[in-house]
Amino acid sequence: CADEYAVGVTNGKITDPGEYQDAYGFAVVARKYADRLEGTSSEPLQMELKLLVDMWPSEGPVVTDSATPLSTIAAQVARVKLELSTL
């Protein structure tokens, strides 16, 4: 997700809409898989993935003048990975 985002967004501007949309798709699919997990141990992962998906506009991966900074996306992906490591 972060790698695709890094290709799609440069200095806060969407430079490759396809890669920007791919990053969103990876986040959404990961969230859907996490939502299928049962038990309270998966709740932190589900929350972190929700926060990641929420970093795109509410309409989805639409072209916008102010994309979330890559550093913010990368930090959130790191939180997702940390929660994955606890499962």
Protein backbone atom coordinates (compact mmCIF):
# COMPACT_ATOMS: atom_id res chain seq x y z
CA CYS A 1 0.00 0.00 0.00
CA ALA A 2 2.67 2.50 1.03
CA ASP A 3 4.86 1.60 -1.95
CA GLU A 4 2.03 2.20 -4.42
CA TYR A 5 1.11 5.42 -2.65
CA ALA A 6 4.72 6.61 -2.89
CA VAL A 7 4.57 6.17 -6.66
CA GLY A 8 1.17 7.84 -6.94
CA VAL A 9 1.73 10.86 -4.71
CA THR A 10 4.67 13.25 -4.84
CA ASN A 11 4.96 16.21 -2.47
CA GLY A 12 1.29 15.93 -1.51
CA LYS A 13 0.09 15.95 -5.12
CA ILE A 14 -1.34 12.99 -7.00
CA THR A 15 1.08 12.36 -9.83
CA ASP A 16 -0.10 8.89 -10.85
CA PRO A 17 -3.83 8.38 -10.24
CA GLY A 18 -3.61 4.66 -11.04
CA GLU A 19 -1.04 3.98 -8.33
CA TYR A 20 -2.94 6.21 -5.89
CA GLN A 21 -6.06 4.15 -6.57
CA ASP A 22 -4.12 0.88 -6.26
CA ALA A 23 -2.89 1.90 -2.80
CA TYR A 24 -6.48 2.59 -1.76
CA GLY A 25 -7.58 -0.77 -3.13
CA PHE A 26 -4.91 -2.62 -1.15
CA ALA A 27 -6.03 -0.86 2.04
CA VAL A 28 -9.70 -1.65 1.41
CA VAL A 29 -9.04 -5.31 0.64
CA ALA A 30 -6.87 -5.68 3.74
CA ARG A 31 -9.63 -4.14 5.83
CA LYS A 32 -12.20 -6.54 4.38
CA TYR A 33 -9.98 -9.53 5.22
CA ALA A 34 -9.39 -8.22 8.74
CA ASP A 35 -13.11 -7.70 9.26
CA ARG A 36 -13.61 -11.42 8.66
CA LEU A 37 -11.31 -12.33 11.54
CA GLU A 38 -13.09 -13.42 14.67
CA GLY A 39 -12.27 -12.61 18.25
CA THR A 40 -11.29 -9.52 20.14
CA SER A 41 -7.60 -9.97 19.31
CA SER A 42 -8.30 -8.75 15.77
CA GLU A 43 -10.06 -5.54 16.85
CA PRO A 44 -6.89 -3.41 17.03
CA LEU A 45 -5.93 -4.51 13.50
CA GLN A 46 -9.41 -3.71 12.23
CA MET A 47 -9.22 -0.25 13.82
CA GLU A 48 -5.79 0.52 12.33
CA LEU A 49 -6.99 -0.55 8.88
CA LYS A 50 -10.09 1.60 9.23
CA LEU A 51 -7.87 4.56 10.07
CA LEU A 52 -5.72 3.78 7.02
CA VAL A 53 -8.71 3.65 4.65
CA ASP A 54 -10.03 6.87 6.17
CA MET A 55 -6.90 8.69 4.96
CA TRP A 56 -8.48 8.85 1.50
CA PRO A 57 -11.43 11.13 0.74
CA SER A 58 -14.79 9.73 1.82
CA GLU A 59 -15.67 9.28 -1.87
CA GLY A 60 -12.71 6.93 -2.29
CA PRO A 61 -9.53 7.38 -4.31
CA VAL A 62 -10.67 10.47 -6.19
CA VAL A 63 -8.21 13.03 -7.46
CA THR A 64 -7.81 15.79 -4.92
CA ASP A 65 -5.55 18.79 -4.52
CA SER A 66 -4.37 17.75 -1.06
CA ALA A 67 -3.49 14.08 -0.72
CA THR A 68 -2.47 12.69 2.66
CA PRO A 69 1.31 13.02 3.07
CA LEU A 70 3.26 9.85 2.32
CA SER A 71 4.83 9.96 5.78
CA THR A 72 1.37 9.76 7.35
CA ILE A 73 0.35 6.82 5.16
CA ALA A 74 3.65 5.05 5.87
CA ALA A 75 3.27 5.56 9.62
CA GLN A 76 -0.25 4.12 9.54
CA VAL A 77 0.89 1.14 7.46
CA ALA A 78 3.58 0.55 10.10
CA ARG A 79 0.86 0.50 12.80
CA VAL A 80 -1.09 -2.04 10.72
CA LYS A 81 2.02 -4.22 10.42
CA LEU A 82 2.60 -4.00 14.16
CA GLU A 83 -0.94 -5.21 14.85
CA LEU A 84 -0.51 -8.01 12.32
CA SER A 85 2.58 -9.17 14.18
CA THR A 86 0.52 -9.70 17.33
CA LEU A 87 -1.93 -12.11 15.74
